[in-house]
Amino acid sequence: MGTATFIQNETEFDSLLANESLLVVDCTATWCGPCKIVAPLIDQLADEYSDRAKVFKLDLDSNKPLAKRFGIRSIPAILLFKNGELVETIIGVKPYEDFSSAVARLL
């Protein structure tokens, strides 16, 4: 099963944003309980859509400027980007279908 890898910094994030037509970013933190519930669902999403979407995780503790840039005030927050534009944000713990249908709508 595939897993979503972590984006290391803002430079890598901007490069992905510029080069991927569909980008899914799970904004998380190591201390966040609900994030631990969502993490396996994001890994499942990365696996299921590996050929059609790029799915990553972003630790907001080590990437505070990105949290500020996108106005993230609560996590987990799943950001969906289409052609470099933020088109949808899903906040909180949701069933897998909510995440997969959001990605499917953008394909």
N, C-alpha and C. Protein backbone atom coordinates (compact mmCIF):
# COMPACT_ATOMS: atom_id res chain seq x y z
N MET A 1 0.84 -1.19 0.00
CA MET A 1 0.00 0.00 0.00
C MET A 1 0.88 1.25 0.00
N GLY A 2 0.53 2.22 -0.79
CA GLY A 2 1.30 3.46 -0.87
C GLY A 2 1.05 4.33 0.34
N THR A 3 2.00 5.18 0.62
CA THR A 3 1.80 6.14 1.69
C THR A 3 2.11 7.52 1.16
N ALA A 4 1.42 8.48 1.71
CA ALA A 4 1.67 9.87 1.34
C ALA A 4 2.95 10.32 2.05
N THR A 5 3.86 10.90 1.31
CA THR A 5 5.11 11.36 1.91
C THR A 5 4.97 12.81 2.35
N PHE A 6 5.88 13.20 3.23
CA PHE A 6 5.83 14.56 3.75
C PHE A 6 6.56 15.54 2.84
N ILE A 7 5.95 16.69 2.64
CA ILE A 7 6.59 17.80 1.95
C ILE A 7 7.55 18.42 2.97
N GLN A 8 8.79 18.65 2.56
CA GLN A 8 9.80 19.10 3.51
C GLN A 8 9.78 20.61 3.79
N ASN A 9 9.46 21.40 2.77
CA ASN A 9 9.53 22.85 2.96
C ASN A 9 8.69 23.57 1.91
N GLU A 10 8.64 24.88 2.02
CA GLU A 10 7.81 25.70 1.14
C GLU A 10 8.30 25.64 -0.32
N THR A 11 9.61 25.51 -0.51
CA THR A 11 10.17 25.42 -1.86
C THR A 11 9.66 24.16 -2.56
N GLU A 12 9.71 23.03 -1.85
CA GLU A 12 9.21 21.78 -2.42
C GLU A 12 7.70 21.88 -2.69
N PHE A 13 6.98 22.49 -1.76
CA PHE A 13 5.54 22.68 -1.92
C PHE A 13 5.23 23.48 -3.18
N ASP A 14 5.94 24.62 -3.35
CA ASP A 14 5.71 25.47 -4.53
C ASP A 14 6.04 24.75 -5.82
N SER A 15 7.07 23.92 -5.80
CA SER A 15 7.44 23.13 -6.98
C SER A 15 6.34 22.13 -7.33
N LEU A 16 5.79 21.46 -6.33
CA LEU A 16 4.69 20.52 -6.56
C LEU A 16 3.46 21.25 -7.10
N LEU A 17 3.19 22.40 -6.51
CA LEU A 17 2.04 23.20 -6.92
C LEU A 17 2.15 23.60 -8.39
N ALA A 18 3.35 23.92 -8.81
CA ALA A 18 3.58 24.37 -10.19
C ALA A 18 3.56 23.21 -11.19
N ASN A 19 3.89 22.00 -10.73
CA ASN A 19 4.10 20.90 -11.66
C ASN A 19 3.02 19.81 -11.66
N GLU A 20 2.16 19.80 -10.67
CA GLU A 20 1.15 18.74 -10.58
C GLU A 20 -0.23 19.31 -10.91
N SER A 21 -0.97 18.59 -11.77
CA SER A 21 -2.30 19.09 -12.13
C SER A 21 -3.30 18.89 -10.99
N LEU A 22 -3.14 17.82 -10.20
CA LEU A 22 -4.02 17.59 -9.06
C LEU A 22 -3.17 17.23 -7.85
N LEU A 23 -3.21 18.09 -6.85
CA LEU A 23 -2.38 17.93 -5.66
C LEU A 23 -3.27 17.94 -4.42
N VAL A 24 -3.09 16.91 -3.58
CA VAL A 24 -3.84 16.81 -2.34
C VAL A 24 -2.83 16.90 -1.19
N VAL A 25 -3.06 17.84 -0.27
CA VAL A 25 -2.12 18.04 0.83
C VAL A 25 -2.86 17.93 2.17
N ASP A 26 -2.42 16.96 2.97
CA ASP A 26 -2.96 16.75 4.31
C ASP A 26 -2.13 17.57 5.28
N CYS A 27 -2.70 18.64 5.81
CA CYS A 27 -2.01 19.49 6.78
C CYS A 27 -2.21 18.88 8.16
N THR A 28 -1.11 18.53 8.81
CA THR A 28 -1.15 17.72 10.02
C THR A 28 -0.11 18.20 11.02
N ALA A 29 -0.07 17.56 12.18
CA ALA A 29 0.95 17.81 13.19
C ALA A 29 1.08 16.55 14.04
N THR A 30 2.26 16.30 14.56
CA THR A 30 2.51 15.07 15.31
C THR A 30 1.67 14.98 16.57
N TRP A 31 1.33 16.11 17.19
CA TRP A 31 0.58 16.13 18.45
C TRP A 31 -0.93 16.06 18.25
N CYS A 32 -1.39 16.09 17.00
CA CYS A 32 -2.82 16.19 16.70
C CYS A 32 -3.48 14.81 16.66
N GLY A 33 -4.37 14.56 17.64
CA GLY A 33 -5.08 13.27 17.70
C GLY A 33 -5.94 12.98 16.48
N PRO A 34 -6.82 13.92 16.09
CA PRO A 34 -7.66 13.68 14.90
C PRO A 34 -6.83 13.45 13.64
N CYS A 35 -5.64 14.06 13.57
CA CYS A 35 -4.77 13.87 12.40
C CYS A 35 -4.34 12.41 12.27
N LYS A 36 -4.15 11.76 13.43
CA LYS A 36 -3.74 10.35 13.43
C LYS A 36 -4.86 9.46 12.89
N ILE A 37 -6.10 9.89 13.06
CA ILE A 37 -7.25 9.14 12.54
C ILE A 37 -7.32 9.29 11.01
N VAL A 38 -7.04 10.50 10.53
CA VAL A 38 -7.12 10.79 9.10
C VAL A 38 -5.92 10.22 8.33
N ALA A 39 -4.76 10.12 8.97
CA ALA A 39 -3.52 9.70 8.29
C ALA A 39 -3.64 8.44 7.46
N PRO A 40 -4.21 7.33 8.00
CA PRO A 40 -4.33 6.12 7.16
C PRO A 40 -5.28 6.31 5.97
N LEU A 41 -6.27 7.18 6.12
CA LEU A 41 -7.19 7.46 5.01
C LEU A 41 -6.46 8.20 3.89
N ILE A 42 -5.57 9.10 4.27
CA ILE A 42 -4.79 9.84 3.28
C ILE A 42 -3.81 8.89 2.57
N ASP A 43 -3.24 7.96 3.33
CA ASP A 43 -2.37 6.95 2.72
C ASP A 43 -3.16 6.10 1.72
N GLN A 44 -4.38 5.74 2.09
CA GLN A 44 -5.25 4.97 1.19
C GLN A 44 -5.55 5.78 -0.07
N LEU A 45 -5.81 7.06 0.11
CA LEU A 45 -6.07 7.96 -1.02
C LEU A 45 -4.85 8.01 -1.95
N ALA A 46 -3.67 8.12 -1.36
CA ALA A 46 -2.42 8.15 -2.13
C ALA A 46 -2.27 6.88 -2.96
N ASP A 47 -2.65 5.76 -2.36
CA ASP A 47 -2.55 4.48 -3.04
C ASP A 47 -3.58 4.36 -4.16
N GLU A 48 -4.82 4.67 -3.85
CA GLU A 48 -5.92 4.52 -4.82
C GLU A 48 -5.78 5.45 -6.02
N TYR A 49 -5.30 6.66 -5.79
CA TYR A 49 -5.22 7.65 -6.87
C TYR A 49 -3.78 7.91 -7.35
N SER A 50 -2.88 6.98 -7.05
CA SER A 50 -1.46 7.19 -7.33
C SER A 50 -1.16 7.56 -8.78
N ASP A 51 -1.97 7.08 -9.71
CA ASP A 51 -1.72 7.36 -11.12
C ASP A 51 -2.42 8.63 -11.61
N ARG A 52 -3.28 9.23 -10.77
CA ARG A 52 -4.07 10.38 -11.22
C ARG A 52 -3.92 11.63 -10.36
N ALA A 53 -3.43 11.48 -9.14
CA ALA A 53 -3.29 12.63 -8.25
C ALA A 53 -2.06 12.43 -7.37
N LYS A 54 -1.44 13.51 -6.97
CA LYS A 54 -0.30 13.45 -6.05
C LYS A 54 -0.82 13.80 -4.67
N VAL A 55 -0.59 12.90 -3.71
CA VAL A 55 -1.08 13.08 -2.35
C VAL A 55 0.12 13.18 -1.40
N PHE A 56 0.14 14.26 -0.63
CA PHE A 56 1.24 14.50 0.30
C PHE A 56 0.71 14.91 1.66
N LYS A 57 1.61 14.86 2.65
CA LYS A 57 1.32 15.37 3.98
C LYS A 57 2.23 16.55 4.24
N LEU A 58 1.77 17.45 5.10
CA LEU A 58 2.53 18.64 5.43
C LEU A 58 2.46 18.86 6.93
N ASP A 59 3.62 18.77 7.60
CA ASP A 59 3.69 19.03 9.04
C ASP A 59 3.69 20.53 9.25
N LEU A 60 2.61 21.04 9.83
CA LEU A 60 2.49 22.49 9.98
C LEU A 60 3.42 23.06 11.04
N ASP A 61 3.85 22.24 11.99
CA ASP A 61 4.79 22.74 12.99
C ASP A 61 6.12 23.14 12.36
N SER A 62 6.52 22.42 11.32
CA SER A 62 7.79 22.76 10.67
C SER A 62 7.58 23.60 9.40
N ASN A 63 6.33 23.93 9.10
CA ASN A 63 6.02 24.74 7.92
C ASN A 63 4.98 25.81 8.25
N LYS A 64 5.24 26.57 9.30
CA LYS A 64 4.29 27.60 9.74
C LYS A 64 3.94 28.63 8.66
N PRO A 65 4.91 29.03 7.80
CA PRO A 65 4.55 30.01 6.76
C PRO A 65 3.45 29.50 5.82
N LEU A 66 3.44 28.20 5.54
CA LEU A 66 2.40 27.64 4.67
C LEU A 66 1.04 27.64 5.36
N ALA A 67 1.03 27.37 6.66
CA ALA A 67 -0.23 27.42 7.41
C ALA A 67 -0.80 28.83 7.34
N LYS A 68 0.07 29.80 7.50
CA LYS A 68 -0.36 31.20 7.46
C LYS A 68 -0.82 31.57 6.05
N ARG A 69 -0.07 31.14 5.05
CA ARG A 69 -0.38 31.44 3.64
C ARG A 69 -1.78 30.99 3.25
N PHE A 70 -2.20 29.83 3.75
CA PHE A 70 -3.51 29.28 3.38
C PHE A 70 -4.55 29.46 4.48
N GLY A 71 -4.22 30.22 5.52
CA GLY A 71 -5.18 30.53 6.57
C GLY A 71 -5.68 29.32 7.32
N ILE A 72 -4.81 28.35 7.55
CA ILE A 72 -5.23 27.13 8.25
C ILE A 72 -5.27 27.40 9.74
N ARG A 73 -6.45 27.24 10.32
CA ARG A 73 -6.62 27.51 11.75
C ARG A 73 -6.97 26.25 12.54
N SER A 74 -7.39 25.21 11.85
CA SER A 74 -7.66 23.95 12.55
C SER A 74 -7.22 22.79 11.66
N ILE A 75 -6.77 21.73 12.31
CA ILE A 75 -6.30 20.56 11.58
C ILE A 75 -6.99 19.32 12.16
N PRO A 76 -7.07 18.24 11.41
CA PRO A 76 -6.53 18.08 10.07
C PRO A 76 -7.28 18.94 9.03
N ALA A 77 -6.51 19.45 8.09
CA ALA A 77 -7.07 20.20 6.97
C ALA A 77 -6.51 19.60 5.69
N ILE A 78 -7.39 19.17 4.81
CA ILE A 78 -6.98 18.59 3.54
C ILE A 78 -7.21 19.64 2.46
N LEU A 79 -6.12 20.05 1.81
CA LEU A 79 -6.20 21.06 0.76
C LEU A 79 -6.14 20.36 -0.60
N LEU A 80 -7.06 20.71 -1.49
CA LEU A 80 -7.07 20.14 -2.83
C LEU A 80 -6.78 21.25 -3.84
N PHE A 81 -5.73 21.04 -4.62
CA PHE A 81 -5.30 22.01 -5.62
C PHE A 81 -5.47 21.43 -7.01
N LYS A 82 -6.06 22.22 -7.90
CA LYS A 82 -6.19 21.83 -9.30
C LYS A 82 -5.45 22.88 -10.11
N ASN A 83 -4.44 22.44 -10.87
CA ASN A 83 -3.62 23.33 -11.69
C ASN A 83 -3.09 24.53 -10.90
N GLY A 84 -2.62 24.25 -9.68
CA GLY A 84 -2.00 25.28 -8.86
C GLY A 84 -2.95 26.15 -8.06
N GLU A 85 -4.25 25.96 -8.23
CA GLU A 85 -5.24 26.77 -7.51
C GLU A 85 -5.91 25.95 -6.41
N LEU A 86 -6.03 26.53 -5.22
CA LEU A 86 -6.75 25.87 -4.14
C LEU A 86 -8.23 25.87 -4.49
N VAL A 87 -8.82 24.68 -4.66
CA VAL A 87 -10.23 24.59 -5.06
C VAL A 87 -11.14 24.05 -3.96
N GLU A 88 -10.56 23.37 -2.98
CA GLU A 88 -11.39 22.83 -1.91
C GLU A 88 -10.54 22.58 -0.67
N THR A 89 -11.16 22.80 0.50
CA THR A 89 -10.51 22.49 1.77
C THR A 89 -11.49 21.67 2.60
N ILE A 90 -11.01 20.55 3.12
CA ILE A 90 -11.83 19.69 3.97
C ILE A 90 -11.20 19.73 5.37
N ILE A 91 -11.98 20.20 6.34
CA ILE A 91 -11.48 20.33 7.71
C ILE A 91 -12.04 19.22 8.59
N GLY A 92 -11.18 18.61 9.39
CA GLY A 92 -11.62 17.64 10.39
C GLY A 92 -11.64 16.20 9.91
N VAL A 93 -12.05 15.33 10.83
CA VAL A 93 -12.13 13.90 10.54
C VAL A 93 -13.39 13.64 9.75
N LYS A 94 -13.23 13.01 8.60
CA LYS A 94 -14.35 12.67 7.73
C LYS A 94 -14.18 11.22 7.27
N PRO A 95 -15.27 10.60 6.79
CA PRO A 95 -15.12 9.25 6.24
C PRO A 95 -14.30 9.29 4.95
N TYR A 96 -13.68 8.16 4.64
CA TYR A 96 -12.82 8.08 3.45
C TYR A 96 -13.54 8.56 2.19
N GLU A 97 -14.83 8.25 2.08
CA GLU A 97 -15.61 8.60 0.89
C GLU A 97 -15.61 10.11 0.64
N ASP A 98 -15.59 10.91 1.72
CA ASP A 98 -15.57 12.36 1.55
C ASP A 98 -14.30 12.81 0.83
N PHE A 99 -13.18 12.20 1.20
CA PHE A 99 -11.90 12.55 0.57
C PHE A 99 -11.83 12.03 -0.86
N SER A 100 -12.22 10.77 -1.04
CA SER A 100 -12.11 10.17 -2.38
C SER A 100 -13.08 10.82 -3.36
N SER A 101 -14.27 11.17 -2.91
CA SER A 101 -15.22 11.81 -3.85
C SER A 101 -14.75 13.24 -4.20
N ALA A 102 -14.11 13.92 -3.26
CA ALA A 102 -13.56 15.25 -3.56
C ALA A 102 -12.48 15.15 -4.64
N VAL A 103 -11.62 14.15 -4.53
CA VAL A 103 -10.57 13.95 -5.54
C VAL A 103 -11.21 13.56 -6.87
N ALA A 104 -12.16 12.65 -6.83
CA ALA A 104 -12.82 12.17 -8.06
C ALA A 104 -13.50 13.32 -8.81
N ARG A 105 -14.10 14.25 -8.08
CA ARG A 105 -14.75 15.40 -8.70
C ARG A 105 -13.77 16.27 -9.48
N LEU A 106 -12.52 16.28 -9.05
CA LEU A 106 -11.51 17.16 -9.67
C LEU A 106 -10.77 16.49 -10.82
N LEU A 107 -10.96 15.20 -10.98
CA LEU A 107 -10.24 14.49 -12.07
C LEU A 107 -10.86 14.77 -13.42
